[in-house]
Every structure is written in structure tokens, then in C-alpha cells.
N, C-alpha and C. Protein backbone atom coordinates (compact mmCIF):
# COMPACT_ATOMS: atom_id res chain seq x y z
N MET A 1 -9.89 -27.40 33.23
CA MET A 1 -9.25 -28.12 32.02
C MET A 1 -9.67 -26.92 30.78
N HIS A 2 -8.81 -26.70 29.93
CA HIS A 2 -9.53 -25.75 28.97
C HIS A 2 -9.24 -27.31 27.77
N THR A 3 -10.37 -26.67 26.29
CA THR A 3 -9.89 -28.18 25.30
C THR A 3 -9.18 -27.10 24.40
N HIS A 4 -8.78 -27.51 23.55
CA HIS A 4 -7.73 -26.93 22.73
C HIS A 4 -8.25 -25.45 22.03
N ALA A 5 -9.58 -25.36 21.86
CA ALA A 5 -10.23 -24.19 21.10
C ALA A 5 -10.56 -23.27 21.76
N GLU A 6 -10.38 -23.69 23.30
CA GLU A 6 -10.91 -22.70 24.03
C GLU A 6 -9.37 -21.87 24.78
N ALA A 7 -8.49 -22.66 25.06
CA ALA A 7 -7.60 -22.31 24.75
C ALA A 7 -6.59 -20.97 23.69
N LEU A 8 -7.02 -21.63 22.60
CA LEU A 8 -6.88 -20.65 21.34
C LEU A 8 -7.02 -19.42 21.64
N LYS A 9 -8.53 -19.85 22.72
CA LYS A 9 -9.63 -18.67 22.20
C LYS A 9 -8.86 -17.52 23.84
N ILE A 10 -9.11 -18.55 24.15
CA ILE A 10 -8.35 -17.10 24.87
C ILE A 10 -7.21 -16.27 25.35
N LEU A 11 -6.53 -16.94 24.65
CA LEU A 11 -4.88 -16.74 24.28
C LEU A 11 -4.94 -15.51 23.79
N GLY A 12 -5.92 -16.26 22.16
CA GLY A 12 -5.80 -15.03 21.40
C GLY A 12 -4.38 -14.99 20.54
N CYS A 13 -4.30 -16.37 20.16
CA CYS A 13 -3.00 -17.22 19.13
C CYS A 13 -3.56 -17.48 18.10
N SER A 14 -2.40 -17.67 17.53
CA SER A 14 -2.59 -19.08 16.05
C SER A 14 -2.31 -20.16 16.34
N LYS A 15 -2.48 -21.20 16.18
CA LYS A 15 -2.43 -22.58 16.23
C LYS A 15 -0.76 -23.21 16.49
N SER A 16 0.04 -21.98 15.50
CA SER A 16 1.52 -22.74 15.55
C SER A 16 1.91 -22.05 16.65
N THR A 17 1.14 -21.03 17.45
CA THR A 17 1.74 -20.47 17.99
C THR A 17 2.13 -21.24 19.97
N LEU A 18 0.56 -21.89 19.76
CA LEU A 18 -0.13 -22.37 20.64
C LEU A 18 0.41 -23.27 20.77
N HIS A 19 1.27 -24.43 19.67
CA HIS A 19 2.14 -25.38 19.01
C HIS A 19 3.64 -25.67 19.33
N LYS A 20 3.63 -23.96 19.71
CA LYS A 20 5.31 -23.59 20.29
C LYS A 20 5.10 -23.08 21.53
N TYR A 21 4.29 -22.32 22.10
CA TYR A 21 4.37 -22.52 23.85
C TYR A 21 4.42 -23.79 24.18
N VAL A 22 3.69 -25.31 23.65
CA VAL A 22 3.60 -26.98 24.11
C VAL A 22 5.47 -27.19 23.65
N LYS A 23 6.37 -26.99 22.44
CA LYS A 23 7.14 -27.52 22.42
C LYS A 23 8.46 -26.91 23.10
N GLU A 24 8.32 -25.52 23.31
CA GLU A 24 9.00 -24.08 24.64
C GLU A 24 9.06 -25.09 26.19
N GLY A 25 7.66 -25.81 26.63
CA GLY A 25 7.42 -26.82 27.82
C GLY A 25 6.84 -25.42 29.00
N ARG A 26 6.08 -24.40 28.08
CA ARG A 26 5.66 -23.56 28.63
C ARG A 26 4.53 -23.93 29.36
N LEU A 27 3.65 -24.58 27.93
CA LEU A 27 2.14 -25.46 28.43
C LEU A 27 2.12 -26.24 28.27
N LYS A 28 1.86 -27.60 28.92
CA LYS A 28 1.62 -28.66 29.32
C LYS A 28 0.21 -28.73 28.74
N ARG A 29 0.45 -30.25 27.67
CA ARG A 29 -0.72 -30.55 26.80
C ARG A 29 -1.11 -31.94 27.09
N ILE A 30 -2.21 -32.05 27.62
CA ILE A 30 -3.38 -33.14 28.56
C ILE A 30 -3.80 -33.83 27.33
N LYS A 31 -3.48 -35.26 26.89
CA LYS A 31 -3.96 -36.25 26.05
C LYS A 31 -5.01 -36.88 26.40
N ARG A 32 -6.29 -37.19 25.97
CA ARG A 32 -7.20 -38.21 26.73
C ARG A 32 -7.98 -38.66 25.14
N GLY A 33 -7.56 -39.62 24.80
CA GLY A 33 -8.35 -40.05 23.21
C GLY A 33 -7.46 -39.05 22.22
N ARG A 34 -8.20 -39.18 22.07
CA ARG A 34 -9.20 -37.48 20.49
C ARG A 34 -8.60 -36.22 20.65
N HIS A 35 -9.03 -35.98 22.11
CA HIS A 35 -8.89 -34.81 22.62
C HIS A 35 -8.24 -34.25 23.28
N THR A 36 -7.68 -32.61 23.12
CA THR A 36 -6.56 -32.25 23.63
C THR A 36 -7.01 -31.36 24.71
N TYR A 37 -5.98 -31.43 25.91
CA TYR A 37 -6.65 -30.21 27.04
C TYR A 37 -5.58 -29.90 27.55
N TYR A 38 -5.83 -28.09 28.34
CA TYR A 38 -4.66 -27.78 28.94
C TYR A 38 -5.27 -27.16 30.39
N ASP A 39 -4.19 -26.87 31.41
CA ASP A 39 -4.30 -26.79 32.45
C ASP A 39 -4.65 -25.34 32.47
N GLU A 40 -6.09 -24.87 33.09
CA GLU A 40 -6.46 -23.40 32.83
C GLU A 40 -5.93 -22.33 33.91
N HIS A 41 -4.97 -23.07 34.67
CA HIS A 41 -3.93 -22.34 35.38
C HIS A 41 -2.68 -21.54 34.65
N GLU A 42 -2.10 -22.79 34.02
CA GLU A 42 -1.12 -22.39 32.89
C GLU A 42 -1.64 -22.03 32.00
N VAL A 43 -2.35 -21.64 31.19
CA VAL A 43 -3.35 -20.96 29.75
C VAL A 43 -3.20 -19.55 31.13
N ALA A 44 -3.68 -19.38 31.84
CA ALA A 44 -4.01 -18.54 32.19
C ALA A 44 -2.53 -17.10 32.68
N ALA A 45 -2.16 -18.15 33.14
CA ALA A 45 -0.84 -17.11 33.16
C ALA A 45 0.49 -17.40 32.08
N LEU A 46 -0.28 -18.11 30.66
CA LEU A 46 0.34 -17.67 29.44
C LEU A 46 -0.14 -16.08 28.79
N VAL A 47 -1.62 -15.63 29.44
CA VAL A 47 -1.54 -14.91 28.70
C VAL A 47 -1.05 -13.47 28.80
N PRO A 48 -0.37 -12.89 29.56
CA PRO A 48 0.19 -11.75 29.29
C PRO A 48 1.57 -12.00 28.73
N VAL A 49 2.01 -13.17 28.79
CA VAL A 49 2.99 -13.34 27.64
C VAL A 49 2.93 -13.37 26.23
N VAL A 50 1.30 -13.46 25.97
CA VAL A 50 1.30 -13.73 24.80
C VAL A 50 1.12 -12.31 24.14
N GLU A 51 -0.02 -11.51 25.12
CA GLU A 51 0.05 -10.25 25.08
C GLU A 51 1.23 -9.25 24.56
N GLU A 52 2.81 -9.67 25.38
CA GLU A 52 3.35 -8.67 25.45
C GLU A 52 3.87 -9.38 24.03
N GLY A 53 3.94 -10.23 23.72
CA GLY A 53 5.30 -10.80 22.38
C GLY A 53 4.11 -9.89 20.94
N LYS A 54 3.04 -10.16 21.49
CA LYS A 54 2.29 -9.42 20.64
C LYS A 54 2.29 -7.90 20.21
N LYS A 55 3.29 -6.91 21.35
CA LYS A 55 3.74 -5.67 21.36
C LYS A 55 4.84 -5.47 20.81
N LYS A 56 5.67 -6.77 21.57
CA LYS A 56 7.03 -6.66 21.10
C LYS A 56 7.38 -7.34 19.21
N GLY A 57 6.48 -7.76 18.79
CA GLY A 57 6.72 -8.75 17.81
C GLY A 57 6.53 -7.46 16.04
N HIS A 58 6.11 -6.34 16.66
CA HIS A 58 5.47 -5.45 15.82
C HIS A 58 6.59 -4.84 15.29
N LYS A 59 7.20 -4.59 15.12
CA LYS A 59 8.53 -3.12 15.37
C LYS A 59 7.16 -1.66 14.70
N PRO A 60 7.70 -0.53 15.32
CA PRO A 60 7.24 0.46 14.66
C PRO A 60 7.65 0.88 13.29
N ILE A 61 6.82 1.22 12.59
CA ILE A 61 7.66 1.51 11.28
C ILE A 61 8.33 3.02 11.27
N LYS A 62 9.30 2.92 10.43
CA LYS A 62 10.28 3.68 10.69
C LYS A 62 10.23 5.46 10.00
N GLU A 63 10.14 6.57 10.04
CA GLU A 63 9.25 7.14 8.97
C GLU A 63 10.64 7.76 8.03
N LYS A 64 10.70 7.80 7.22
CA LYS A 64 11.30 7.83 6.15
C LYS A 64 11.67 9.44 5.74
N GLU A 65 12.59 9.55 5.58
CA GLU A 65 13.55 10.73 4.70
C GLU A 65 12.23 11.58 3.66
N PRO A 66 11.97 12.36 3.58
CA PRO A 66 11.31 12.82 2.56
C PRO A 66 12.16 12.69 1.35
N ILE A 67 10.84 12.76 0.08
CA ILE A 67 11.71 12.81 -1.37
C ILE A 67 11.48 13.69 -1.12
N PRO A 68 13.04 14.45 -2.10
CA PRO A 68 12.91 15.07 -2.14
C PRO A 68 12.63 15.09 -4.04
N LEU A 69 11.87 16.26 -3.90
CA LEU A 69 11.40 17.28 -5.80
C LEU A 69 11.66 18.35 -6.34
N PRO A 70 11.19 18.40 -7.34
CA PRO A 70 11.48 19.69 -7.89
C PRO A 70 10.36 20.01 -7.68
N ASP A 71 10.66 21.35 -7.44
CA ASP A 71 9.41 22.70 -6.44
C ASP A 71 8.71 22.78 -7.16
N ASN A 72 7.97 22.52 -9.46
CA ASN A 72 6.86 22.50 -9.42
C ASN A 72 6.02 20.98 -8.76
N VAL A 73 6.94 19.33 -8.96
CA VAL A 73 6.18 18.89 -8.47
C VAL A 73 5.64 18.76 -7.28
N ALA A 74 6.55 18.85 -6.09
CA ALA A 74 6.53 19.30 -5.00
C ALA A 74 5.12 20.26 -4.61
N SER A 75 5.63 21.60 -5.32
CA SER A 75 3.43 21.81 -5.17
C SER A 75 2.47 21.06 -5.92
N GLU A 76 2.68 20.82 -6.96
CA GLU A 76 1.74 19.66 -7.11
C GLU A 76 1.16 18.50 -6.15
N VAL A 77 2.17 18.31 -5.74
CA VAL A 77 1.99 16.75 -4.61
C VAL A 77 1.21 17.70 -3.74
N GLY A 78 1.58 18.46 -2.97
CA GLY A 78 1.41 19.15 -1.99
C GLY A 78 -0.23 19.49 -2.25
N ASN A 79 -1.03 19.74 -3.26
CA ASN A 79 -1.98 20.20 -3.91
C ASN A 79 -3.20 19.25 -3.73
N ILE A 80 -2.06 18.11 -4.45
CA ILE A 80 -3.18 16.98 -4.47
C ILE A 80 -2.77 16.64 -2.89
N ALA A 81 -2.28 16.18 -1.99
CA ALA A 81 -1.96 15.66 -0.83
C ALA A 81 -3.39 17.05 0.13
N ALA A 82 -3.34 18.11 -0.38
CA ALA A 82 -4.10 18.80 1.09
C ALA A 82 -5.83 18.30 1.32
N ASN A 83 -6.32 17.98 0.13
CA ASN A 83 -7.28 18.09 1.34
C ASN A 83 -7.81 16.47 1.09
N SER A 84 -6.73 15.30 0.99
CA SER A 84 -6.72 14.38 1.14
C SER A 84 -6.53 13.93 2.63
N LYS A 85 -6.71 12.61 3.29
CA LYS A 85 -6.56 12.16 4.22
C LYS A 85 -5.51 11.45 4.62
N LEU A 86 -4.14 11.52 3.89
CA LEU A 86 -3.30 10.65 3.58
C LEU A 86 -2.21 11.05 4.59
N ASP A 87 -2.06 9.41 5.75
CA ASP A 87 -0.86 9.53 6.09
C ASP A 87 0.50 10.15 5.81
N ALA A 88 1.41 9.52 7.01
CA ALA A 88 2.74 9.87 6.33
C ALA A 88 3.08 8.05 4.91
N VAL A 89 2.67 7.08 5.50
CA VAL A 89 3.25 6.14 4.43
C VAL A 89 2.27 6.09 3.17
N GLY A 90 0.72 7.31 3.31
CA GLY A 90 0.60 7.89 2.03
C GLY A 90 0.89 8.81 0.68
N MET A 91 1.56 9.12 1.88
CA MET A 91 2.33 10.56 1.60
C MET A 91 3.72 10.21 0.99
N GLN A 92 3.85 9.60 1.47
CA GLN A 92 6.15 8.47 0.51
C GLN A 92 5.30 7.84 -0.75
N TYR A 93 4.38 7.30 -0.52
CA TYR A 93 4.16 6.89 -2.04
C TYR A 93 3.93 7.51 -2.77
N LEU A 94 2.81 8.44 -2.52
CA LEU A 94 2.67 9.68 -3.22
C LEU A 94 4.01 10.50 -3.84
N SER A 95 4.75 10.81 -3.09
CA SER A 95 6.08 11.30 -3.85
C SER A 95 6.79 10.75 -4.29
N GLU A 96 7.19 8.93 -3.94
CA GLU A 96 7.48 8.21 -4.03
C GLU A 96 7.58 8.46 -5.91
N ALA A 97 5.43 8.56 -6.42
CA ALA A 97 5.25 7.96 -7.35
C ALA A 97 5.71 9.27 -8.52
N ALA A 98 5.41 10.24 -7.83
CA ALA A 98 5.46 11.42 -8.13
C ALA A 98 6.73 11.74 -8.87
N LYS A 99 7.94 11.29 -8.50
CA LYS A 99 9.41 11.67 -8.58
C LYS A 99 9.62 10.69 -9.30
N TRP A 100 8.75 9.46 -9.62
CA TRP A 100 9.26 8.59 -11.01
C TRP A 100 8.77 8.95 -11.62
N LEU A 101 7.36 9.37 -12.08
CA LEU A 101 6.70 9.76 -13.31
C LEU A 101 7.63 11.52 -13.44
N GLU A 102 8.19 11.85 -12.48
CA GLU A 102 8.84 13.39 -13.25
C GLU A 102 10.17 13.04 -14.21
N GLU A 103 10.64 12.42 -13.48
CA GLU A 103 11.64 11.73 -13.96
C GLU A 103 11.46 10.90 -15.54
N SER A 104 10.34 10.34 -15.60
CA SER A 104 10.19 9.09 -16.48
C SER A 104 9.51 10.65 -17.69
N GLY A 105 9.01 11.76 -17.39
CA GLY A 105 8.46 13.16 -18.74
C GLY A 105 6.68 12.45 -18.67
N LEU A 106 6.02 11.10 -17.47
CA LEU A 106 4.99 11.22 -17.78
C LEU A 106 4.26 12.05 -16.57
N PHE A 107 5.10 12.69 -15.66
CA PHE A 107 3.95 13.55 -14.72
C PHE A 107 3.05 14.36 -15.54
N GLU A 108 3.29 15.25 -16.23
CA GLU A 108 2.50 16.08 -16.92
C GLU A 108 0.95 15.72 -17.36
N GLU A 109 1.74 14.66 -17.93
CA GLU A 109 0.26 14.15 -18.61
C GLU A 109 -0.71 12.82 -17.31
N CYS A 110 -0.11 12.79 -16.36
CA CYS A 110 -0.49 12.00 -15.83
C CYS A 110 -2.24 12.32 -15.00
N ASP A 111 -2.91 11.66 -15.04
CA ASP A 111 -4.10 12.20 -14.44
C ASP A 111 -4.21 11.91 -12.52
N ARG A 112 -3.98 13.54 -12.13
CA ARG A 112 -3.96 13.81 -10.53
C ARG A 112 -4.66 12.70 -10.34
N HIS A 113 -6.12 12.36 -10.48
CA HIS A 113 -6.75 11.62 -9.73
C HIS A 113 -6.92 9.97 -9.22
N VAL A 114 -5.72 9.65 -10.73
CA VAL A 114 -5.78 8.27 -10.04
C VAL A 114 -4.17 8.34 -9.75
N LEU A 115 -3.25 9.28 -9.76
CA LEU A 115 -2.94 9.32 -8.52
C LEU A 115 -2.67 9.47 -7.33
N LEU A 116 -3.80 10.08 -6.85
CA LEU A 116 -4.28 10.05 -5.34
C LEU A 116 -4.88 8.67 -5.08
N ASP A 117 -5.41 8.40 -5.34
CA ASP A 117 -6.28 7.18 -5.41
C ASP A 117 -5.07 6.25 -5.67
N TYR A 118 -4.09 6.22 -6.26
CA TYR A 118 -2.49 4.72 -5.49
C TYR A 118 -2.57 4.97 -3.99
N ALA A 119 -2.15 6.33 -4.15
CA ALA A 119 -1.42 6.39 -2.82
C ALA A 119 -2.37 6.46 -1.56
N ILE A 120 -4.28 6.72 -1.92
CA ILE A 120 -4.29 5.92 -0.67
C ILE A 120 -4.87 4.82 -0.52
N HIS A 121 -5.29 3.89 -1.76
CA HIS A 121 -5.14 2.65 -1.23
C HIS A 121 -3.52 2.15 -1.27
N ALA A 122 -2.50 2.60 -1.19
CA ALA A 122 -1.26 2.04 -0.69
C ALA A 122 -1.36 1.91 0.22
N MET A 123 -1.74 3.43 1.46
CA MET A 123 -1.63 3.97 2.38
C MET A 123 -2.38 3.02 2.73
N LEU A 124 -4.29 2.60 2.93
CA LEU A 124 -4.71 2.13 2.95
C LEU A 124 -4.53 0.10 3.10
N TRP A 125 -3.66 -0.10 2.15
CA TRP A 125 -3.49 -1.77 2.28
C TRP A 125 -2.29 -1.75 2.83
N ASN A 126 -0.98 -1.19 3.14
CA ASN A 126 -0.34 -0.92 4.60
C ASN A 126 -1.14 -0.82 5.58
N ARG A 127 -2.24 -0.10 6.05
CA ARG A 127 -2.73 -0.26 7.25
C ARG A 127 -3.47 -1.67 7.11
N TYR A 128 -4.10 -2.29 6.53
CA TYR A 128 -4.96 -3.29 6.57
C TYR A 128 -3.50 -4.53 6.90
N ILE A 129 -2.64 -4.81 6.00
CA ILE A 129 -1.74 -5.63 6.54
C ILE A 129 -1.18 -5.76 7.71
N VAL A 130 -1.35 -4.60 8.37
CA VAL A 130 -0.49 -4.19 9.63
C VAL A 130 -1.54 -5.20 10.61
N LEU A 131 -2.65 -4.80 10.32
CA LEU A 131 -3.78 -4.89 10.86
C LEU A 131 -3.86 -6.52 11.57
N ALA A 132 -4.13 -6.85 10.17
CA ALA A 132 -4.15 -8.92 9.55
C ALA A 132 -2.64 -9.08 10.61
N MET A 133 -1.95 -9.03 10.38
CA MET A 133 -0.33 -9.34 10.68
C MET A 133 -0.47 -9.90 12.31
N GLU A 134 -0.95 -8.45 12.38
CA GLU A 134 -1.38 -8.33 14.58
C GLU A 134 -2.31 -9.51 14.89
N ASN A 135 -3.43 -9.67 14.30
CA ASN A 135 -4.24 -10.25 14.73
C ASN A 135 -3.51 -12.16 13.86
N ASP A 136 -2.34 -11.97 13.78
CA ASP A 136 -1.35 -13.59 12.56
C ASP A 136 -2.33 -13.90 11.47
N GLY A 137 -2.95 -12.85 10.84
CA GLY A 137 -3.25 -13.25 9.46
C GLY A 137 -4.32 -13.99 10.16
N VAL A 138 -4.94 -14.68 10.12
CA VAL A 138 -6.15 -15.98 10.42
C VAL A 138 -6.86 -15.26 12.26
N THR A 139 -8.60 -15.99 11.43
CA THR A 139 -9.40 -15.45 12.86
C THR A 139 -9.47 -17.53 12.84
N MET A 140 -10.75 -17.15 13.99
CA MET A 140 -11.57 -18.29 14.18
C MET A 140 -12.56 -18.48 13.40
N ASN A 141 -13.59 -19.34 13.14
CA ASN A 141 -14.84 -19.20 12.82
C ASN A 141 -15.19 -19.78 14.16
N ALA A 142 -16.28 -19.52 13.27
CA ALA A 142 -17.75 -20.00 15.34
C ALA A 142 -17.55 -21.72 15.02
N SER A 143 -17.30 -22.73 13.97
CA SER A 143 -16.94 -24.43 14.18
C SER A 143 -15.17 -24.80 14.88
N GLY A 144 -14.50 -23.18 14.83
CA GLY A 144 -13.20 -23.78 15.92
C GLY A 144 -12.50 -23.52 14.54
N SER A 145 -12.70 -24.00 13.43
CA SER A 145 -11.61 -23.76 12.08
C SER A 145 -10.91 -22.48 11.98
N MET A 146 -9.59 -22.34 11.37
CA MET A 146 -9.50 -21.45 11.13
C MET A 146 -9.39 -20.44 9.32
N GLN A 147 -9.32 -19.19 9.27
CA GLN A 147 -10.07 -19.02 8.16
C GLN A 147 -8.70 -17.33 7.97
N VAL A 148 -9.01 -17.08 6.88
CA VAL A 148 -8.03 -15.55 6.39
C VAL A 148 -8.39 -14.23 7.48
N HIS A 149 -8.25 -13.66 8.01
CA HIS A 149 -8.34 -12.90 9.02
C HIS A 149 -8.95 -11.55 8.28
N PRO A 150 -10.50 -10.89 7.79
CA PRO A 150 -11.16 -9.80 7.32
C PRO A 150 -10.38 -8.75 7.03
N TYR A 151 -9.26 -8.39 7.28
CA TYR A 151 -8.21 -7.87 7.34
C TYR A 151 -7.37 -7.80 6.17
N HIS A 152 -7.24 -8.85 6.69
CA HIS A 152 -6.11 -9.36 5.05
C HIS A 152 -7.18 -9.56 3.87
N ARG A 153 -7.66 -9.96 3.83
CA ARG A 153 -9.14 -9.83 3.03
C ARG A 153 -9.14 -8.40 1.93
N ILE A 154 -9.47 -7.51 2.81
CA ILE A 154 -9.48 -5.60 3.05
C ILE A 154 -7.93 -5.35 1.98
N ALA A 155 -7.16 -5.65 2.93
CA ALA A 155 -5.94 -5.55 2.55
C ALA A 155 -5.53 -6.03 0.79
N MET A 156 -6.05 -7.12 0.26
CA MET A 156 -5.73 -7.33 -0.48
C MET A 156 -6.71 -6.92 -1.67
N ASP A 157 -7.64 -6.68 -1.48
CA ASP A 157 -8.53 -6.07 -2.12
C ASP A 157 -7.62 -4.26 -2.30
N HIS A 158 -7.65 -3.97 -1.31
CA HIS A 158 -6.79 -2.11 -1.99
C HIS A 158 -5.57 -2.19 -2.64
N HIS A 159 -4.73 -3.94 -2.25
CA HIS A 159 -2.99 -3.59 -3.48
C HIS A 159 -3.77 -3.69 -4.84
N ARG A 160 -4.66 -4.63 -5.14
CA ARG A 160 -5.38 -4.85 -6.04
C ARG A 160 -5.67 -3.65 -6.88
N GLN A 161 -6.26 -2.80 -5.83
CA GLN A 161 -6.88 -1.11 -6.55
C GLN A 161 -5.45 -0.30 -6.78
N MET A 162 -4.64 -0.54 -5.84
CA MET A 162 -3.60 0.27 -5.90
C MET A 162 -2.91 -0.56 -7.63
N MET A 163 -2.36 -1.28 -7.93
CA MET A 163 -1.91 -2.41 -8.79
C MET A 163 -2.38 -1.63 -10.06
N ALA A 164 -3.75 -1.72 -10.10
CA ALA A 164 -5.03 -1.06 -11.19
C ALA A 164 -4.55 0.89 -10.96
N CYS A 165 -4.25 1.23 -10.22
CA CYS A 165 -3.80 2.44 -10.16
C CYS A 165 -2.78 2.83 -11.39
N ALA A 166 -1.23 1.77 -10.50
CA ALA A 166 0.00 1.91 -11.10
C ALA A 166 -0.19 1.62 -12.59
N ASP A 167 -0.93 0.66 -12.80
CA ASP A 167 -0.96 0.46 -14.25
C ASP A 167 -1.36 1.05 -15.86
N ARG A 168 -2.62 2.38 -15.07
CA ARG A 168 -3.01 3.25 -15.81
C ARG A 168 -1.84 4.84 -15.32
N LEU A 169 -1.24 4.84 -14.45
CA LEU A 169 -0.13 5.77 -13.86
C LEU A 169 0.97 5.27 -15.17
N GLY A 170 1.12 4.14 -15.19
CA GLY A 170 2.82 3.70 -16.26
C GLY A 170 3.81 3.25 -14.99
N LEU A 171 3.46 2.57 -14.04
CA LEU A 171 4.68 2.28 -12.63
C LEU A 171 5.06 1.12 -12.65
N ASN A 172 4.55 0.03 -13.86
CA ASN A 172 5.15 -0.93 -13.89
C ASN A 172 5.62 -1.25 -15.52
N PRO A 173 6.44 -2.14 -15.95
CA PRO A 173 7.49 -2.12 -16.60
C PRO A 173 6.16 -2.49 -17.61
N LYS A 174 5.43 -3.02 -17.22
CA LYS A 174 4.17 -3.79 -19.22
C LYS A 174 3.57 -2.52 -19.02
N ALA A 175 2.70 -1.64 -18.11
CA ALA A 175 2.31 -0.43 -18.42
C ALA A 175 2.88 0.24 -19.07
N ARG A 176 4.44 0.60 -18.65
CA ARG A 176 5.02 1.57 -19.35
C ARG A 176 5.21 1.41 -21.00
N GLN A 177 4.97 0.31 -21.27
CA GLN A 177 5.46 -0.14 -22.80
C GLN A 177 3.95 0.36 -23.41
N LYS A 178 2.70 0.42 -22.84
CA LYS A 178 1.50 0.69 -23.56
C LYS A 178 1.53 1.99 -23.71
N LEU A 179 2.10 3.29 -22.79
CA LEU A 179 1.92 4.76 -22.24
C LEU A 179 3.22 4.65 -23.55
N LYS A 180 4.27 4.63 -23.63
CA LYS A 180 5.51 5.16 -24.77
C LYS A 180 5.13 4.12 -26.14
N PRO A 181 4.71 5.23 -26.96
CA PRO A 181 4.95 4.23 -28.22
C PRO A 181 6.11 3.73 -28.62
N LYS A 182 6.25 3.07 -29.18
CA LYS A 182 7.09 1.93 -29.58
C LYS A 182 7.67 2.54 -30.58
N GLU A 183 8.98 2.84 -30.88
CA GLU A 183 9.94 3.93 -31.63
C GLU A 183 10.14 2.96 -32.68
N ILE A 184 9.77 2.99 -34.21
CA ILE A 184 10.14 1.99 -35.14
C ILE A 184 11.05 2.31 -36.37
N ASP A 185 12.00 1.95 -36.15
CA ASP A 185 13.31 2.17 -37.18
C ASP A 185 13.38 1.90 -38.25
N ASP A 186 12.36 3.04 -39.06
CA ASP A 186 12.34 2.59 -40.68
C ASP A 186 13.03 3.08 -42.12
N ILE A 187 14.64 3.26 -40.91
CA ILE A 187 15.24 4.15 -41.84
C ILE A 187 16.00 3.03 -43.23
N ASP A 188 15.80 3.59 -44.14
CA ASP A 188 16.46 2.30 -45.35
C ASP A 188 17.88 2.07 -45.06
N GLU A 189 18.53 1.00 -45.62
CA GLU A 189 19.88 0.36 -44.76
C GLU A 189 20.51 1.14 -46.44
N MET A 190 19.85 2.21 -47.41
CA MET A 190 21.41 3.08 -47.99
C MET A 190 20.94 4.24 -47.34
N GLU A 191 19.67 4.79 -46.97
CA GLU A 191 20.21 6.18 -46.14
C GLU A 191 21.37 5.76 -44.97
N ALA A 192 21.19 4.58 -44.18
CA ALA A 192 22.19 4.04 -43.24
C ALA A 192 23.90 4.33 -43.88
N LEU A 193 23.63 3.97 -45.19
CA LEU A 193 25.34 4.02 -45.40
C LEU A 193 25.60 5.12 -45.83
N LEU A 194 24.85 6.30 -46.34
CA LEU A 194 25.01 7.56 -46.95
C LEU A 194 24.93 8.22 -45.45
N GLY A 195 24.30 8.40 -44.38
CA GLY A 195 24.89 8.74 -43.68
C GLY A 195 24.02 10.35 -43.60
């Protein structure tokens, strides 16, 4: 017989997944007083099912079409990415940011290092959030209680850094207000009438 904590550890799944298997009838729960036990043979039989579910649950990320960029921006983006270790996701974020900056007329003034940092943090945020979700986003500590998976914390740190870079580049509305000077209409009413 396995305790609840042992079954979770052996299966490598979350409490909700274990509860789902009990509810579906794949695993029989045995209650003795306040303690819950599971048959060791049933738990062992579920290990391949859980592993297969982990493989099926996460679909591979489909490659996106490259973003068409003007020639001068494309060469600049290529130069920025040449010495970095950006994967396809990082290049996607870099290209999207560069395209938006070019369309809004901010590409020439933007700091290339901040643009590269934005792409790197976006790439790492994506990588660690996928790793955290593969582990159900939670982990068990020594006492058997659940806590946020360390990969999730790392992903959130990269997200904060990515958003700080986005603010500096003007990739969100609030930051754009700071970057573009507000136009003040100081046209006298009389000048407007005289036209």
C-alpha cells in the first residue's frame, strides 16, 4: 500500500491529476481513518499512462512564418541576433518588436542592446513557462505540501525583465506616451477662424 504522498511522488503528477484518476475509476482509494492509501500494483500500472499523458499534453510549438521586414531593418535585426543565442522563439519576438518599432518610427532611436535583451528575456520566459507546465506548475516540498515550481519563478523573473525592456522600447501604450511628446494645440481661436 502507498500513502497519498508516495503515490504522488511515484506517479509524478499533481493532486488534481491523482484525484481525476480516482474519479475515473483507474485507481482505487482506500481510506483508513484520516489516511488515504492506494494499491501499489494499481499505482505501478498507472505510471506509463501518466508518462504518456505528459507527452500528449504538450503539443510542439508550430514554427511561425518569418515576419517580413524592410531591408534595412532586416539587416539590422540580423546583426543584432548574429552574436546572440536566440532560438526561433527569440527571433520571432525580436522580429515582431523590430517591425512594430519601424512602423511607429522608433526603430532608429531605439537602443539595440535593450531590443536584444527584450528578445532574450522573452525567449527564456517562454522556455521556462513550458518547463514549469510540463511539471504541472507545482512541486512537492519535503513535508509533502505543494509549492510553485522553481521554473515558474524563473519564468516570472524573465517576464518582469521582458516587460521592463518593453517599457524602455515603447512597446506598450503607457510607455509610448512617455516616448512621444504630446502635441499641444496652441492655435489661437482667431487664427483658426482666419485660417
